[in-house]
Amino acid sequence: GYFTEPALRALFPPEDQAEHARSHV
């Protein structure tokens, strides 16, 4: 969901999103 659904990514502040992506992977 984090990589395919913008609504799920929008649950987090924009400045935190890159770190969440890195951590998930």
PDB file of all heavy atoms in Angstrom:
ATOM      1  N   GLY A   1       0.801  -1.211   0.000  1.00  0.00           N
ATOM      2  CA  GLY A   1       0.000   0.000   0.000  1.00  0.00           C
ATOM      3  C   GLY A   1       0.836   1.264   0.000  1.00  0.00           C
ATOM      4  O   GLY A   1       0.486   2.249  -0.658  1.00  0.00           O
ATOM      5  N   TYR A   2       1.953   1.237   0.723  1.00  0.00           N
ATOM      6  CA  TYR A   2       2.776   2.443   0.817  1.00  0.00           C
ATOM      7  C   TYR A   2       3.335   2.847  -0.547  1.00  0.00           C
ATOM      8  O   TYR A   2       3.482   4.035  -0.832  1.00  0.00           O
ATOM      9  CB  TYR A   2       3.922   2.229   1.808  1.00  0.00           C
ATOM     10  CG  TYR A   2       4.586   3.516   2.214  1.00  0.00           C
ATOM     11  CD1 TYR A   2       4.033   4.315   3.204  1.00  0.00           C
ATOM     12  CD2 TYR A   2       5.748   3.960   1.585  1.00  0.00           C
ATOM     13  CE1 TYR A   2       4.628   5.520   3.568  1.00  0.00           C
ATOM     14  CE2 TYR A   2       6.343   5.170   1.943  1.00  0.00           C
ATOM     15  CZ  TYR A   2       5.772   5.941   2.935  1.00  0.00           C
ATOM     16  OH  TYR A   2       6.353   7.137   3.278  1.00  0.00           O
ATOM     17  N   PHE A   3       3.641   1.874  -1.389  1.00  0.00           N
ATOM     18  CA  PHE A   3       4.242   2.194  -2.690  1.00  0.00           C
ATOM     19  C   PHE A   3       3.227   2.264  -3.823  1.00  0.00           C
ATOM     20  O   PHE A   3       3.585   2.645  -4.939  1.00  0.00           O
ATOM     21  CB  PHE A   3       5.320   1.159  -3.028  1.00  0.00           C
ATOM     22  CG  PHE A   3       6.567   1.306  -2.197  1.00  0.00           C
ATOM     23  CD1 PHE A   3       6.754   0.533  -1.065  1.00  0.00           C
ATOM     24  CD2 PHE A   3       7.529   2.242  -2.528  1.00  0.00           C
ATOM     25  CE1 PHE A   3       7.897   0.678  -0.284  1.00  0.00           C
ATOM     26  CE2 PHE A   3       8.673   2.393  -1.758  1.00  0.00           C
ATOM     27  CZ  PHE A   3       8.851   1.614  -0.628  1.00  0.00           C
ATOM     28  N   THR A   4       1.973   1.919  -3.563  1.00  0.00           N
ATOM     29  CA  THR A   4       0.981   1.909  -4.651  1.00  0.00           C
ATOM     30  C   THR A   4      -0.257   2.747  -4.356  1.00  0.00           C
ATOM     31  O   THR A   4      -1.049   2.984  -5.266  1.00  0.00           O
ATOM     32  CB  THR A   4       0.536   0.464  -4.969  1.00  0.00           C
ATOM     33  OG1 THR A   4      -0.086  -0.113  -3.803  1.00  0.00           O
ATOM     34  CG2 THR A   4       1.717  -0.395  -5.391  1.00  0.00           C
ATOM     35  N   GLU A   5      -0.440   3.188  -3.104  1.00  0.00           N
ATOM     36  CA  GLU A   5      -1.648   3.930  -2.744  1.00  0.00           C
ATOM     37  C   GLU A   5      -1.260   5.284  -2.137  1.00  0.00           C
ATOM     38  O   GLU A   5      -0.798   5.353  -0.999  1.00  0.00           O
ATOM     39  CB  GLU A   5      -2.487   3.137  -1.731  1.00  0.00           C
ATOM     40  CG  GLU A   5      -2.930   1.776  -2.237  1.00  0.00           C
ATOM     41  CD  GLU A   5      -3.639   0.985  -1.158  1.00  0.00           C
ATOM     42  OE1 GLU A   5      -4.230   1.618  -0.245  1.00  0.00           O
ATOM     43  OE2 GLU A   5      -3.610  -0.261  -1.214  1.00  0.00           O
ATOM     44  N   PRO A   6      -1.439   6.357  -2.867  1.00  0.00           N
ATOM     45  CA  PRO A   6      -1.079   7.685  -2.340  1.00  0.00           C
ATOM     46  C   PRO A   6      -1.779   8.024  -1.028  1.00  0.00           C
ATOM     47  O   PRO A   6      -1.217   8.724  -0.183  1.00  0.00           O
ATOM     48  CB  PRO A   6      -1.510   8.627  -3.468  1.00  0.00           C
ATOM     49  CG  PRO A   6      -1.466   7.779  -4.709  1.00  0.00           C
ATOM     50  CD  PRO A   6      -1.869   6.409  -4.279  1.00  0.00           C
ATOM     51  N   ALA A   7      -2.996   7.539  -0.829  1.00  0.00           N
ATOM     52  CA  ALA A   7      -3.735   7.858   0.390  1.00  0.00           C
ATOM     53  C   ALA A   7      -3.044   7.287   1.622  1.00  0.00           C
ATOM     54  O   ALA A   7      -3.057   7.904   2.697  1.00  0.00           O
ATOM     55  CB  ALA A   7      -5.163   7.334   0.301  1.00  0.00           C
ATOM     56  N   LEU A   8      -2.435   6.123   1.488  1.00  0.00           N
ATOM     57  CA  LEU A   8      -1.731   5.533   2.623  1.00  0.00           C
ATOM     58  C   LEU A   8      -0.461   6.317   2.937  1.00  0.00           C
ATOM     59  O   LEU A   8      -0.148   6.577   4.102  1.00  0.00           O
ATOM     60  CB  LEU A   8      -1.385   4.068   2.325  1.00  0.00           C
ATOM     61  CG  LEU A   8      -0.688   3.299   3.455  1.00  0.00           C
ATOM     62  CD1 LEU A   8      -1.513   3.342   4.728  1.00  0.00           C
ATOM     63  CD2 LEU A   8      -0.435   1.855   3.043  1.00  0.00           C
ATOM     64  N   ARG A   9       0.251   6.723   1.930  1.00  0.00           N
ATOM     65  CA  ARG A   9       1.460   7.517   2.140  1.00  0.00           C
ATOM     66  C   ARG A   9       1.118   8.874   2.770  1.00  0.00           C
ATOM     67  O   ARG A   9       1.887   9.410   3.567  1.00  0.00           O
ATOM     68  CB  ARG A   9       2.182   7.711   0.813  1.00  0.00           C
ATOM     69  CG  ARG A   9       3.494   8.453   0.922  1.00  0.00           C
ATOM     70  CD  ARG A   9       4.217   8.484  -0.406  1.00  0.00           C
ATOM     71  NE  ARG A   9       4.734   7.186  -0.778  1.00  0.00           N
ATOM     72  CZ  ARG A   9       6.002   6.933  -1.090  1.00  0.00           C
ATOM     73  NH1 ARG A   9       6.882   7.902  -1.061  1.00  0.00           N
ATOM     74  NH2 ARG A   9       6.381   5.743  -1.433  1.00  0.00           N
ATOM     75  N   ALA A  10      -0.048   9.405   2.441  1.00  0.00           N
ATOM     76  CA  ALA A  10      -0.455  10.714   2.957  1.00  0.00           C
ATOM     77  C   ALA A  10      -0.766  10.680   4.444  1.00  0.00           C
ATOM     78  O   ALA A  10      -0.974  11.747   5.049  1.00  0.00           O
ATOM     79  CB  ALA A  10      -1.669  11.219   2.194  1.00  0.00           C
ATOM     80  N   LEU A  11      -0.783   9.511   5.064  1.00  0.00           N
ATOM     81  CA  LEU A  11      -0.961   9.429   6.510  1.00  0.00           C
ATOM     82  C   LEU A  11       0.249   9.981   7.263  1.00  0.00           C
ATOM     83  O   LEU A  11       0.173  10.225   8.469  1.00  0.00           O
ATOM     84  CB  LEU A  11      -1.187   7.974   6.938  1.00  0.00           C
ATOM     85  CG  LEU A  11      -2.513   7.320   6.543  1.00  0.00           C
ATOM     86  CD1 LEU A  11      -2.479   5.836   6.851  1.00  0.00           C
ATOM     87  CD2 LEU A  11      -3.674   7.996   7.271  1.00  0.00           C
ATOM     88  N   PHE A  12       1.373  10.165   6.560  1.00  0.00           N
ATOM     89  CA  PHE A  12       2.608  10.607   7.197  1.00  0.00           C
ATOM     90  C   PHE A  12       3.030  11.966   6.633  1.00  0.00           C
ATOM     91  O   PHE A  12       2.791  12.261   5.455  1.00  0.00           O
ATOM     92  CB  PHE A  12       3.718   9.578   6.953  1.00  0.00           C
ATOM     93  CG  PHE A  12       3.330   8.184   7.383  1.00  0.00           C
ATOM     94  CD1 PHE A  12       2.849   7.267   6.462  1.00  0.00           C
ATOM     95  CD2 PHE A  12       3.429   7.801   8.711  1.00  0.00           C
ATOM     96  CE1 PHE A  12       2.479   5.994   6.850  1.00  0.00           C
ATOM     97  CE2 PHE A  12       3.065   6.532   9.117  1.00  0.00           C
ATOM     98  CZ  PHE A  12       2.587   5.626   8.190  1.00  0.00           C
ATOM     99  N   PRO A  13       3.678  12.807   7.439  1.00  0.00           N
ATOM    100  CA  PRO A  13       4.134  14.108   6.938  1.00  0.00           C
ATOM    101  C   PRO A  13       5.066  13.928   5.742  1.00  0.00           C
ATOM    102  O   PRO A  13       5.831  12.954   5.688  1.00  0.00           O
ATOM    103  CB  PRO A  13       4.889  14.695   8.140  1.00  0.00           C
ATOM    104  CG  PRO A  13       4.341  13.993   9.332  1.00  0.00           C
ATOM    105  CD  PRO A  13       4.004  12.604   8.863  1.00  0.00           C
ATOM    106  N   PRO A  14       5.016  14.834   4.779  1.00  0.00           N
ATOM    107  CA  PRO A  14       5.853  14.702   3.580  1.00  0.00           C
ATOM    108  C   PRO A  14       7.335  14.530   3.891  1.00  0.00           C
ATOM    109  O   PRO A  14       8.028  13.752   3.225  1.00  0.00           O
ATOM    110  CB  PRO A  14       5.584  16.001   2.817  1.00  0.00           C
ATOM    111  CG  PRO A  14       4.221  16.420   3.261  1.00  0.00           C
ATOM    112  CD  PRO A  14       4.110  16.000   4.696  1.00  0.00           C
ATOM    113  N   GLU A  15       7.832  15.221   4.926  1.00  0.00           N
ATOM    114  CA  GLU A  15       9.258  15.139   5.246  1.00  0.00           C
ATOM    115  C   GLU A  15       9.651  13.794   5.860  1.00  0.00           C
ATOM    116  O   GLU A  15      10.844  13.482   5.962  1.00  0.00           O
ATOM    117  CB  GLU A  15       9.658  16.275   6.187  1.00  0.00           C
ATOM    118  CG  GLU A  15       8.921  16.308   7.506  1.00  0.00           C
ATOM    119  CD  GLU A  15       7.646  17.136   7.456  1.00  0.00           C
ATOM    120  OE1 GLU A  15       7.069  17.292   6.349  1.00  0.00           O
ATOM    121  OE2 GLU A  15       7.233  17.648   8.519  1.00  0.00           O
ATOM    122  N   ASP A  16       8.666  12.972   6.264  1.00  0.00           N
ATOM    123  CA  ASP A  16       8.964  11.658   6.846  1.00  0.00           C
ATOM    124  C   ASP A  16       8.812  10.523   5.838  1.00  0.00           C
ATOM    125  O   ASP A  16       9.200   9.376   6.121  1.00  0.00           O
ATOM    126  CB  ASP A  16       8.020  11.375   8.027  1.00  0.00           C
ATOM    127  CG  ASP A  16       8.213  12.342   9.178  1.00  0.00           C
ATOM    128  OD1 ASP A  16       9.148  13.164   9.121  1.00  0.00           O
ATOM    129  OD2 ASP A  16       7.413  12.272  10.130  1.00  0.00           O
ATOM    130  N   GLN A  17       8.247  10.809   4.681  1.00  0.00           N
ATOM    131  CA  GLN A  17       7.846   9.733   3.782  1.00  0.00           C
ATOM    132  C   GLN A  17       9.022   8.972   3.181  1.00  0.00           C
ATOM    133  O   GLN A  17       8.963   7.746   3.026  1.00  0.00           O
ATOM    134  CB  GLN A  17       6.944  10.297   2.671  1.00  0.00           C
ATOM    135  CG  GLN A  17       5.596  10.769   3.204  1.00  0.00           C
ATOM    136  CD  GLN A  17       4.734  11.435   2.155  1.00  0.00           C
ATOM    137  OE1 GLN A  17       5.050  11.403   0.948  1.00  0.00           O
ATOM    138  NE2 GLN A  17       3.650  12.066   2.582  1.00  0.00           N
ATOM    139  N   ALA A  18      10.102   9.653   2.879  1.00  0.00           N
ATOM    140  CA  ALA A  18      11.258   8.971   2.301  1.00  0.00           C
ATOM    141  C   ALA A  18      11.851   7.970   3.291  1.00  0.00           C
ATOM    142  O   ALA A  18      12.243   6.857   2.918  1.00  0.00           O
ATOM    143  CB  ALA A  18      12.315   9.988   1.877  1.00  0.00           C
ATOM    144  N   GLU A  19      11.894   8.331   4.567  1.00  0.00           N
ATOM    145  CA  GLU A  19      12.426   7.431   5.584  1.00  0.00           C
ATOM    146  C   GLU A  19      11.523   6.208   5.767  1.00  0.00           C
ATOM    147  O   GLU A  19      12.005   5.086   5.936  1.00  0.00           O
ATOM    148  CB  GLU A  19      12.598   8.166   6.914  1.00  0.00           C
ATOM    149  CG  GLU A  19      12.954   7.281   8.096  1.00  0.00           C
ATOM    150  CD  GLU A  19      14.218   6.468   7.897  1.00  0.00           C
ATOM    151  OE1 GLU A  19      15.061   6.839   7.055  1.00  0.00           O
ATOM    152  OE2 GLU A  19      14.359   5.431   8.560  1.00  0.00           O
ATOM    153  N   HIS A  20      10.217   6.411   5.718  1.00  0.00           N
ATOM    154  CA  HIS A  20       9.304   5.271   5.805  1.00  0.00           C
ATOM    155  C   HIS A  20       9.505   4.319   4.621  1.00  0.00           C
ATOM    156  O   HIS A  20       9.492   3.092   4.790  1.00  0.00           O
ATOM    157  CB  HIS A  20       7.860   5.752   5.850  1.00  0.00           C
ATOM    158  CG  HIS A  20       7.428   6.279   7.183  1.00  0.00           C
ATOM    159  ND1 HIS A  20       7.383   5.498   8.313  1.00  0.00           N
ATOM    160  CD2 HIS A  20       7.032   7.517   7.572  1.00  0.00           C
ATOM    161  CE1 HIS A  20       6.975   6.223   9.341  1.00  0.00           C
ATOM    162  NE2 HIS A  20       6.753   7.457   8.917  1.00  0.00           N
ATOM    163  N   ALA A  21       9.675   4.875   3.442  1.00  0.00           N
ATOM    164  CA  ALA A  21       9.905   4.043   2.260  1.00  0.00           C
ATOM    165  C   ALA A  21      11.177   3.223   2.420  1.00  0.00           C
ATOM    166  O   ALA A  21      11.202   2.004   2.164  1.00  0.00           O
ATOM    167  CB  ALA A  21       9.979   4.909   1.008  1.00  0.00           C
ATOM    168  N   ARG A  22      12.249   3.880   2.845  1.00  0.00           N
ATOM    169  CA  ARG A  22      13.515   3.179   3.043  1.00  0.00           C
ATOM    170  C   ARG A  22      13.377   2.061   4.076  1.00  0.00           C
ATOM    171  O   ARG A  22      13.850   0.937   3.887  1.00  0.00           O
ATOM    172  CB  ARG A  22      14.582   4.168   3.508  1.00  0.00           C
ATOM    173  CG  ARG A  22      15.981   3.563   3.654  1.00  0.00           C
ATOM    174  CD  ARG A  22      16.824   4.332   4.653  1.00  0.00           C
ATOM    175  NE  ARG A  22      16.259   4.272   5.992  1.00  0.00           N
ATOM    176  CZ  ARG A  22      16.383   3.217   6.802  1.00  0.00           C
ATOM    177  NH1 ARG A  22      17.043   2.133   6.407  1.00  0.00           N
ATOM    178  NH2 ARG A  22      15.838   3.228   8.015  1.00  0.00           N
ATOM    179  N   SER A  23      12.699   2.357   5.185  1.00  0.00           N
ATOM    180  CA  SER A  23      12.546   1.379   6.251  1.00  0.00           C
ATOM    181  C   SER A  23      11.723   0.178   5.801  1.00  0.00           C
ATOM    182  O   SER A  23      12.062  -0.974   6.104  1.00  0.00           O
ATOM    183  CB  SER A  23      11.888   2.053   7.462  1.00  0.00           C
ATOM    184  OG  SER A  23      11.718   1.141   8.517  1.00  0.00           O
ATOM    185  N   HIS A  24      10.629   0.421   5.072  1.00  0.00           N
ATOM    186  CA  HIS A  24       9.804  -0.685   4.574  1.00  0.00           C
ATOM    187  C   HIS A  24      10.632  -1.636   3.702  1.00  0.00           C
ATOM    188  O   HIS A  24      10.550  -2.864   3.838  1.00  0.00           O
ATOM    189  CB  HIS A  24       8.632  -0.138   3.760  1.00  0.00           C
ATOM    190  CG  HIS A  24       7.483   0.337   4.592  1.00  0.00           C
ATOM    191  ND1 HIS A  24       7.025  -0.331   5.700  1.00  0.00           N
ATOM    192  CD2 HIS A  24       6.683   1.430   4.459  1.00  0.00           C
ATOM    193  CE1 HIS A  24       5.995   0.308   6.224  1.00  0.00           C
ATOM    194  NE2 HIS A  24       5.769   1.390   5.486  1.00  0.00           N
ATOM    195  N   VAL A  25      11.405  -1.067   2.801  1.00  0.00           N
ATOM    196  CA  VAL A  25      12.196  -1.899   1.888  1.00  0.00           C
ATOM    197  C   VAL A  25      13.267  -2.671   2.659  1.00  0.00           C
ATOM    198  O   VAL A  25      13.485  -3.870   2.419  1.00  0.00           O
ATOM    199  CB  VAL A  25      12.835  -1.032   0.786  1.00  0.00           C
ATOM    200  CG1 VAL A  25      13.742  -1.881  -0.098  1.00  0.00           C
ATOM    201  CG2 VAL A  25      11.748  -0.365  -0.063  1.00  0.00           C
TER     202      VAL A  25
END
